[in-house]
Amino acid sequence: MSWNGYFSLMKDADGDTGLLSVNANEILYFCVVQNRIIAHTLQGEFYTGWASLDLLWRALKVSDPNFYRTDRAYIANLNKVVSIDREWCKLYFKDEQTDKHCYVARSKLAEIENRLHDFNA
C-alpha cells in the first residue's frame, strides 16, 4: 500500500470537529507542544493523531524525502524553506523573519544546507 501524500489532521486537539485531509505539500513543519504533535501550514495549525514525533519521522523518512528531522522537537518540509538563520538556528518558511519558523540543531545545519542545495539544483 502506498501513501497518497495526504495527512488526516484535526483542527482541534480533541478531534471534535472531525478529520481534515491536508496535502503534505501544504505542511511547513511538525512540532511537539505539550506532548502533542502539531502540523503547521500557512493557513494555521492542525493536530495529528501520531503518538510520537519519532514514529512520524520513521514513516516520513521512507514516504517523503522533502521532510527532515531538524531537532528533537521539529520535522521540517525542506521544500518550503525560504531562508536559514545560522546565528539563531532557525528555518523560515516565508520571506519575513517574523513569520513561521522552526528550530534546527546546530549540528544539523550543514546537512540541511546541503539538502536545500540539492533541492534547488
Foldseek 3Di string as FASTA:
>chain_A
DADPQWAWWAPDPVCPVHTDTDGNVQFFKWFADPQWIWTQGPVGITTHPDRAPVVVVVVCVVHPPQWDAQDRTMIGRLVQFDDADLVQQKTDRDPDPVDDIDHGDNVCVVVSVVVNVVVVD
